[in-house]
């Protein structure tokens, strides 16, 4: 080996995005922004390309077509195969074909890293790459992923999961979190920080995706629980035990717990805590009340207890949540 060859920079890391119509454009754009050239002032250490099972015009969810010239053989040359979303349901063309499954499996066998953003996890699951592993997807599709692929350990809370050879992210902007994490792992934290600054993004976001999920509601329940749930919702500021709930419903605590499990899928205590966390979120978003006052209003007794429970549920602090989601009203 010559001295000149030793001084040559390493070859760029090849990222190939696997697309499928109707392609969602936001996660594709996020990945392209991170890997496809973050700006002239930052040295390019990746190449970014796209392929699809049937090359040519590719329909997107935004109403315009992309012209994708690369077919599945492009995955044979990828260092990272990236699936930036996948259509919802087979009726939307979202079935994962045997050809796609084979191409993804083949890339993985030869050592390529396989990455999914948002609903792209369904492709990795179909290929068997997530069996027995934790995986992330958009919180709204986590139950569907778990139902269709019971061997996958779906985590509806995290922003992303990285196993080294396989990585998955939650929905939408969580794809940026994962992409920046991979850049940091590949190229170092300083390079990832430069990319994040160019995108006007934090290099690391605090918390988990559950803080972005819709506030939980009671949902449809039979008449046996509905009156109790209404009664509880009006008394969140009061200390209420499972025994108190059972007494109100004129049943034993064991019977009440069974009814909650059958009708809501959780315990009475878990349901009440979820409602208290939901009320906390609303007060953090809509008021300037101090955490101590909010704790009393939602029945969590103290600021210390509220912070602990809030962090357990959402992986972030009340203060950080308020900074992120506070709604400022003019006037």
Protein backbone atom coordinates (compact mmCIF):
# COMPACT_ATOMS: atom_id res chain seq x y z
CA UNK A 1 0.00 0.00 0.00
CA UNK A 2 1.39 3.41 -0.97
CA UNK A 3 1.61 6.49 1.25
CA UNK A 4 -0.82 8.25 -1.10
CA UNK A 5 -3.48 5.57 -0.64
CA UNK A 6 -3.08 5.81 3.13
CA UNK A 7 -3.82 9.55 3.01
CA UNK A 8 -6.97 9.24 0.94
CA UNK A 9 -10.23 9.92 2.81
CA UNK A 10 -12.56 6.97 3.36
CA UNK A 11 -15.23 6.34 0.75
CA UNK A 12 -18.57 8.00 1.51
CA UNK A 13 -21.14 5.90 3.34
CA UNK A 14 -23.82 4.92 0.82
CA UNK A 15 -27.44 5.41 1.97
CA UNK A 16 -30.18 4.10 -0.29
CA UNK A 17 -33.82 4.88 0.48
CA UNK A 18 -36.34 2.19 -0.43
CA UNK A 19 -39.55 3.89 -1.61
CA UNK A 20 -43.07 2.62 -2.25
CA UNK A 21 -46.14 4.42 -3.63
CA UNK A 22 -47.89 6.39 -2.35
CA UNK A 23 -44.67 7.57 -0.73
CA UNK A 24 -44.91 9.92 2.23
CA UNK A 25 -42.52 12.76 1.52
CA UNK A 26 -41.72 14.16 4.97
CA UNK A 27 -39.58 11.30 6.31
CA UNK A 28 -37.91 11.00 2.90
CA UNK A 29 -37.07 14.71 2.97
CA UNK A 30 -35.75 14.43 6.53
CA UNK A 31 -33.40 11.62 5.58
CA UNK A 32 -32.31 13.39 2.42
CA UNK A 33 -31.52 16.55 4.40
CA UNK A 34 -29.33 14.64 6.86
CA UNK A 35 -27.58 12.26 4.49
CA UNK A 36 -27.93 13.96 1.12
CA UNK A 37 -25.67 16.94 1.66
CA UNK A 38 -26.16 19.17 4.72
CA UNK A 39 -24.51 22.22 3.12
CA UNK A 40 -21.35 23.32 1.29
CA UNK A 41 -19.60 24.25 4.54
CA UNK A 42 -19.88 20.66 5.87
CA UNK A 43 -17.79 17.95 4.20
CA UNK A 44 -19.96 15.28 2.56
CA UNK A 45 -19.48 11.90 4.19
CA UNK A 46 -22.56 10.21 2.76
CA UNK A 47 -24.12 9.64 -0.61
CA UNK A 48 -27.89 9.44 -0.79
CA UNK A 49 -29.94 7.68 -3.45
CA UNK A 50 -33.38 6.14 -3.82
CA UNK A 51 -34.82 3.01 -5.37
CA UNK A 52 -38.16 1.26 -5.69
CA UNK A 53 -39.44 -2.13 -6.74
CA UNK A 54 -40.81 -0.78 -10.01
CA UNK A 55 -38.63 2.10 -11.30
CA UNK A 56 -40.25 5.06 -13.02
CA UNK A 57 -42.77 7.66 -11.86
CA UNK A 58 -43.60 7.05 -8.20
CA UNK A 59 -46.76 8.50 -6.70
CA UNK A 60 -46.48 10.44 -3.45
CA UNK A 61 -49.00 11.42 -0.81
CA UNK A 62 -48.53 15.08 -1.69
CA UNK A 63 -50.06 14.72 -5.16
CA UNK A 64 -46.88 14.90 -7.23
CA UNK A 65 -44.77 12.13 -8.69
CA UNK A 66 -41.11 11.36 -8.13
CA UNK A 67 -39.07 9.81 -10.91
CA UNK A 68 -37.09 6.96 -9.35
CA UNK A 69 -34.71 5.28 -11.75
CA UNK A 70 -33.15 2.75 -9.39
CA UNK A 71 -34.61 -0.70 -8.80
CA UNK A 72 -34.08 -3.17 -5.96
CA UNK A 73 -30.56 -4.08 -7.17
CA UNK A 74 -29.47 -0.67 -5.82
CA UNK A 75 -29.78 -2.16 -2.32
CA UNK A 76 -26.91 -4.50 -3.14
CA UNK A 77 -24.53 -1.53 -3.06
CA UNK A 78 -25.92 0.20 0.03
CA UNK A 79 -24.12 0.56 3.34
CA UNK A 80 -27.40 1.65 4.88
CA UNK A 81 -30.84 0.71 3.54
CA UNK A 82 -33.39 3.25 4.73
CA UNK A 83 -37.19 2.77 4.55
CA UNK A 84 -38.74 6.26 5.04
CA UNK A 85 -42.31 5.21 5.77
CA UNK A 86 -44.63 2.70 4.15
CA UNK A 87 -48.30 3.09 3.05
CA UNK A 88 -50.93 2.25 5.63
CA UNK A 89 -52.75 -1.01 4.98
CA UNK A 90 -52.79 -3.36 2.05
CA UNK A 91 -55.69 -1.48 0.51
CA UNK A 92 -53.35 1.52 0.17
CA UNK A 93 -50.75 -0.57 -1.60
CA UNK A 94 -48.85 -1.13 1.62
CA UNK A 95 -48.35 -4.88 1.32
CA UNK A 96 -44.67 -5.81 1.45
CA UNK A 97 -43.93 -7.91 -1.63
CA UNK A 98 -41.73 -11.04 -1.54
CA UNK A 99 -39.24 -9.26 -3.80
CA UNK A 100 -38.85 -6.39 -1.31
CA UNK A 101 -38.56 -8.82 1.61
CA UNK A 102 -35.87 -10.81 -0.19
CA UNK A 103 -33.92 -7.68 -1.15
CA UNK A 104 -33.98 -6.31 2.41
CA UNK A 105 -32.99 -9.65 3.90
CA UNK A 106 -30.16 -10.03 1.39
CA UNK A 107 -28.81 -6.56 2.18
CA UNK A 108 -28.92 -7.35 5.89
CA UNK A 109 -27.14 -10.69 5.43
CA UNK A 110 -24.22 -9.07 3.63
CA UNK A 111 -23.81 -6.52 6.43
CA UNK A 112 -25.82 -3.45 5.40
CA UNK A 113 -27.51 -1.50 8.18
CA UNK A 114 -31.31 -1.54 7.81
CA UNK A 115 -33.12 1.55 9.08
CA UNK A 116 -36.81 2.43 9.14
CA UNK A 117 -38.49 5.75 9.78
CA UNK A 118 -42.06 5.82 11.09
CA UNK A 119 -44.17 3.11 9.41
CA UNK A 120 -41.15 1.73 7.56
CA UNK A 121 -40.88 -0.62 10.55
CA UNK A 122 -43.55 -2.77 8.89
CA UNK A 123 -41.08 -3.63 6.13
CA UNK A 124 -38.39 -4.64 8.61
CA UNK A 125 -40.93 -6.68 10.55
CA UNK A 126 -42.11 -8.42 7.37
CA UNK A 127 -38.50 -9.35 6.64
CA UNK A 128 -38.17 -10.88 10.12
CA UNK A 129 -35.44 -8.46 11.17
CA UNK A 130 -37.33 -7.32 14.25
CA UNK A 131 -38.28 -10.73 15.65
CA UNK A 132 -37.53 -10.81 19.37
CA UNK A 133 -36.32 -7.21 19.30
CA UNK A 134 -37.59 -3.87 20.53
CA UNK A 135 -38.81 -1.60 17.77
CA UNK A 136 -40.33 1.83 17.36
CA UNK A 137 -42.95 3.18 15.00
CA UNK A 138 -45.47 6.04 15.07
CA UNK A 139 -47.47 5.85 18.30
CA UNK A 140 -50.72 5.71 16.31
CA UNK A 141 -49.57 2.53 14.52
CA UNK A 142 -47.81 0.79 17.41
CA UNK A 143 -50.81 -1.42 18.25
CA UNK A 144 -51.18 -2.45 14.60
CA UNK A 145 -47.51 -3.36 14.33
CA UNK A 146 -47.70 -5.42 17.52
CA UNK A 147 -50.86 -7.18 16.34
CA UNK A 148 -49.56 -8.04 12.87
CA UNK A 149 -46.10 -9.06 14.09
CA UNK A 150 -46.45 -10.49 17.61
CA UNK A 151 -42.78 -11.49 17.78
CA UNK A 152 -41.78 -7.81 17.64
CA UNK A 153 -41.42 -6.04 20.98
CA UNK A 154 -43.07 -2.76 20.01
CA UNK A 155 -42.20 0.17 22.27
CA UNK A 156 -44.76 2.95 21.71
CA UNK A 157 -42.86 5.44 23.86
CA UNK A 158 -39.35 5.81 22.49
CA UNK A 159 -38.23 8.13 19.70
CA UNK A 160 -36.02 5.45 18.21
CA UNK A 161 -34.37 2.08 18.86
CA UNK A 162 -30.88 1.27 17.53
CA UNK A 163 -29.61 -2.32 17.58
CA UNK A 164 -26.56 -1.56 15.46
CA UNK A 165 -27.48 -3.62 12.42
CA UNK A 166 -31.16 -2.59 12.55
CA UNK A 167 -32.72 0.68 13.72
CA UNK A 168 -36.30 1.97 13.86
CA UNK A 169 -37.79 5.37 14.64
CA UNK A 170 -41.12 6.75 15.73
CA UNK A 171 -43.19 8.97 13.47
CA UNK A 172 -42.40 12.07 11.44
CA UNK A 173 -39.69 14.24 13.03
CA UNK A 174 -38.44 11.34 15.16
CA UNK A 175 -36.84 10.18 11.92
CA UNK A 176 -34.52 13.18 12.17
CA UNK A 177 -33.62 12.17 15.72
CA UNK A 178 -32.63 8.70 14.52
CA UNK A 179 -30.75 9.97 11.47
CA UNK A 180 -28.72 12.41 13.58
CA UNK A 181 -28.03 9.64 16.08
CA UNK A 182 -26.71 7.44 13.27
CA UNK A 183 -24.54 10.27 11.95
CA UNK A 184 -23.12 10.75 15.44
CA UNK A 185 -22.38 7.04 15.67
CA UNK A 186 -20.80 6.93 12.20
CA UNK A 187 -18.94 10.24 12.11
CA UNK A 188 -18.74 11.47 15.69
CA UNK A 189 -20.72 13.91 17.81
CA UNK A 190 -18.99 17.04 16.46
CA UNK A 191 -19.93 16.26 12.86
CA UNK A 192 -23.51 15.40 13.88
CA UNK A 193 -23.74 18.70 15.75
CA UNK A 194 -22.72 20.60 12.61
CA UNK A 195 -25.43 18.83 10.61
CA UNK A 196 -28.01 19.53 13.33
CA UNK A 197 -27.07 23.22 13.46
CA UNK A 198 -27.42 23.49 9.70
CA UNK A 199 -30.93 22.04 10.00
CA UNK A 200 -31.73 24.33 12.98
CA UNK A 201 -32.36 21.21 15.05
CA UNK A 202 -31.20 20.05 18.47
CA UNK A 203 -28.73 17.17 18.15
CA UNK A 204 -30.74 15.32 20.79
CA UNK A 205 -34.35 15.76 21.85
CA UNK A 206 -35.46 15.20 25.42
CA UNK A 207 -38.33 12.89 26.26
CA UNK A 208 -40.26 10.28 24.30
CA UNK A 209 -42.96 10.28 21.66
CA UNK A 210 -45.79 9.71 24.15
CA UNK A 211 -45.63 13.42 24.97
CA UNK A 212 -46.86 14.03 21.40
CA UNK A 213 -49.64 11.43 21.47
CA UNK A 214 -53.24 12.48 21.81
CA UNK A 215 -54.44 12.90 25.36
CA UNK A 216 -56.01 9.63 26.53
CA UNK A 217 -59.76 9.48 26.91
CA UNK A 218 -62.03 7.02 28.63
CA UNK A 219 -63.11 5.55 25.33
CA UNK A 220 -66.33 3.60 24.80
CA UNK A 221 -67.22 1.60 27.90
CA UNK A 222 -70.29 -0.25 29.00
CA UNK A 223 -72.74 1.26 31.46
CA UNK A 224 -71.15 -0.67 34.32
CA UNK A 225 -68.06 1.58 34.36
CA UNK A 226 -69.18 4.81 32.71
CA UNK A 227 -70.74 6.37 35.86
CA UNK A 228 -67.66 5.54 37.91
CA UNK A 229 -65.31 7.05 35.34
CA UNK A 230 -67.36 10.25 35.24
CA UNK A 231 -67.30 10.38 39.04
CA UNK A 232 -63.53 9.89 39.11
CA UNK A 233 -62.89 12.51 36.43
CA UNK A 234 -64.65 15.11 38.59
CA UNK A 235 -62.52 14.25 41.64
CA UNK A 236 -58.97 14.02 40.36
CA UNK A 237 -57.80 16.34 43.13
CA UNK A 238 -58.92 13.91 45.82
CA UNK A 239 -57.03 10.86 47.15
CA UNK A 240 -59.05 7.92 45.82
CA UNK A 241 -58.07 4.29 46.32
CA UNK A 242 -59.23 1.18 44.49
CA UNK A 243 -61.24 0.37 47.62
CA UNK A 244 -62.99 3.75 47.30
CA UNK A 245 -63.80 3.00 43.66
CA UNK A 246 -65.14 -0.43 44.54
CA UNK A 247 -67.29 1.01 47.30
CA UNK A 248 -68.69 3.60 44.90
CA UNK A 249 -69.52 0.84 42.40
CA UNK A 250 -70.87 -1.45 45.15
CA UNK A 251 -68.59 -4.32 44.13
CA UNK A 252 -65.47 -5.89 45.59
CA UNK A 253 -62.05 -4.49 44.63
CA UNK A 254 -61.32 -7.78 42.86
CA UNK A 255 -64.48 -7.53 40.77
CA UNK A 256 -63.78 -3.90 39.94
CA UNK A 257 -60.24 -4.71 38.82
CA UNK A 258 -61.56 -7.50 36.59
CA UNK A 259 -64.08 -5.13 34.98
CA UNK A 260 -61.39 -2.54 34.27
CA UNK A 261 -59.15 -5.17 32.74
CA UNK A 262 -61.96 -6.59 30.58
CA UNK A 263 -63.34 -3.24 29.40
CA UNK A 264 -60.30 -0.93 29.33
CA UNK A 265 -57.33 -3.28 29.34
CA UNK A 266 -55.69 -1.64 32.38
CA UNK A 267 -56.07 -1.60 36.16
CA UNK A 268 -58.18 0.99 38.03
CA UNK A 269 -55.07 2.58 39.50
CA UNK A 270 -53.39 2.82 36.09
CA UNK A 271 -56.49 4.41 34.56
CA UNK A 272 -56.65 7.02 37.33
CA UNK A 273 -52.95 7.83 37.03
CA UNK A 274 -53.31 8.20 33.25
CA UNK A 275 -56.11 10.70 33.75
CA UNK A 276 -54.01 12.63 36.27
CA UNK A 277 -51.10 12.77 33.83
CA UNK A 278 -53.48 13.93 31.07
CA UNK A 279 -54.81 16.68 33.35
CA UNK A 280 -51.25 17.67 34.21
CA UNK A 281 -50.39 17.98 30.53
CA UNK A 282 -53.39 20.23 29.92
CA UNK A 283 -52.53 22.51 32.85
CA UNK A 284 -48.89 22.76 31.79
CA UNK A 285 -49.96 23.71 28.27
CA UNK A 286 -52.73 26.15 29.17
CA UNK A 287 -51.77 27.80 32.48
CA UNK A 288 -48.85 29.40 34.34
CA UNK A 289 -49.64 27.48 37.53
CA UNK A 290 -46.57 26.27 39.44
CA UNK A 291 -45.94 22.55 39.52
CA UNK A 292 -46.79 22.34 43.22
CA UNK A 293 -50.27 23.79 42.56
CA UNK A 294 -50.82 21.51 39.58
CA UNK A 295 -49.84 18.52 41.71
CA UNK A 296 -52.59 19.35 44.21
CA UNK A 297 -55.17 19.96 41.48
CA UNK A 298 -54.59 16.57 39.83
CA UNK A 299 -54.27 14.54 43.00
CA UNK A 300 -50.54 13.83 42.84
CA UNK A 301 -49.99 15.40 46.27
CA UNK A 302 -46.61 17.12 45.74
CA UNK A 303 -44.32 18.54 43.09
CA UNK A 304 -41.80 15.77 43.80
CA UNK A 305 -44.39 13.05 43.21
CA UNK A 306 -45.73 14.79 40.09
CA UNK A 307 -42.26 15.11 38.56
CA UNK A 308 -41.51 11.45 39.26
CA UNK A 309 -44.81 10.20 37.82
CA UNK A 310 -44.59 12.56 34.84
CA UNK A 311 -41.08 11.43 33.98
CA UNK A 312 -42.05 7.76 34.29
CA UNK A 313 -44.93 8.32 31.85
CA UNK A 314 -43.35 10.66 29.30
CA UNK A 315 -39.57 10.46 29.83
CA UNK A 316 -39.38 14.22 30.26
CA UNK A 317 -39.88 16.82 32.99
CA UNK A 318 -42.91 19.08 33.49
CA UNK A 319 -40.71 22.12 32.85
CA UNK A 320 -39.37 20.74 29.56
CA UNK A 321 -42.87 19.71 28.50
CA UNK A 322 -44.22 23.19 29.24
CA UNK A 323 -41.46 24.84 27.20
CA UNK A 324 -42.24 22.59 24.25
CA UNK A 325 -46.03 22.64 24.25
CA UNK A 326 -47.07 25.86 25.94
CA UNK A 327 -49.72 27.63 23.88
CA UNK A 328 -49.11 31.41 23.90
CA UNK A 329 -52.30 33.36 23.37
CA UNK A 330 -52.10 36.92 22.13
CA UNK A 331 -53.71 39.61 24.21
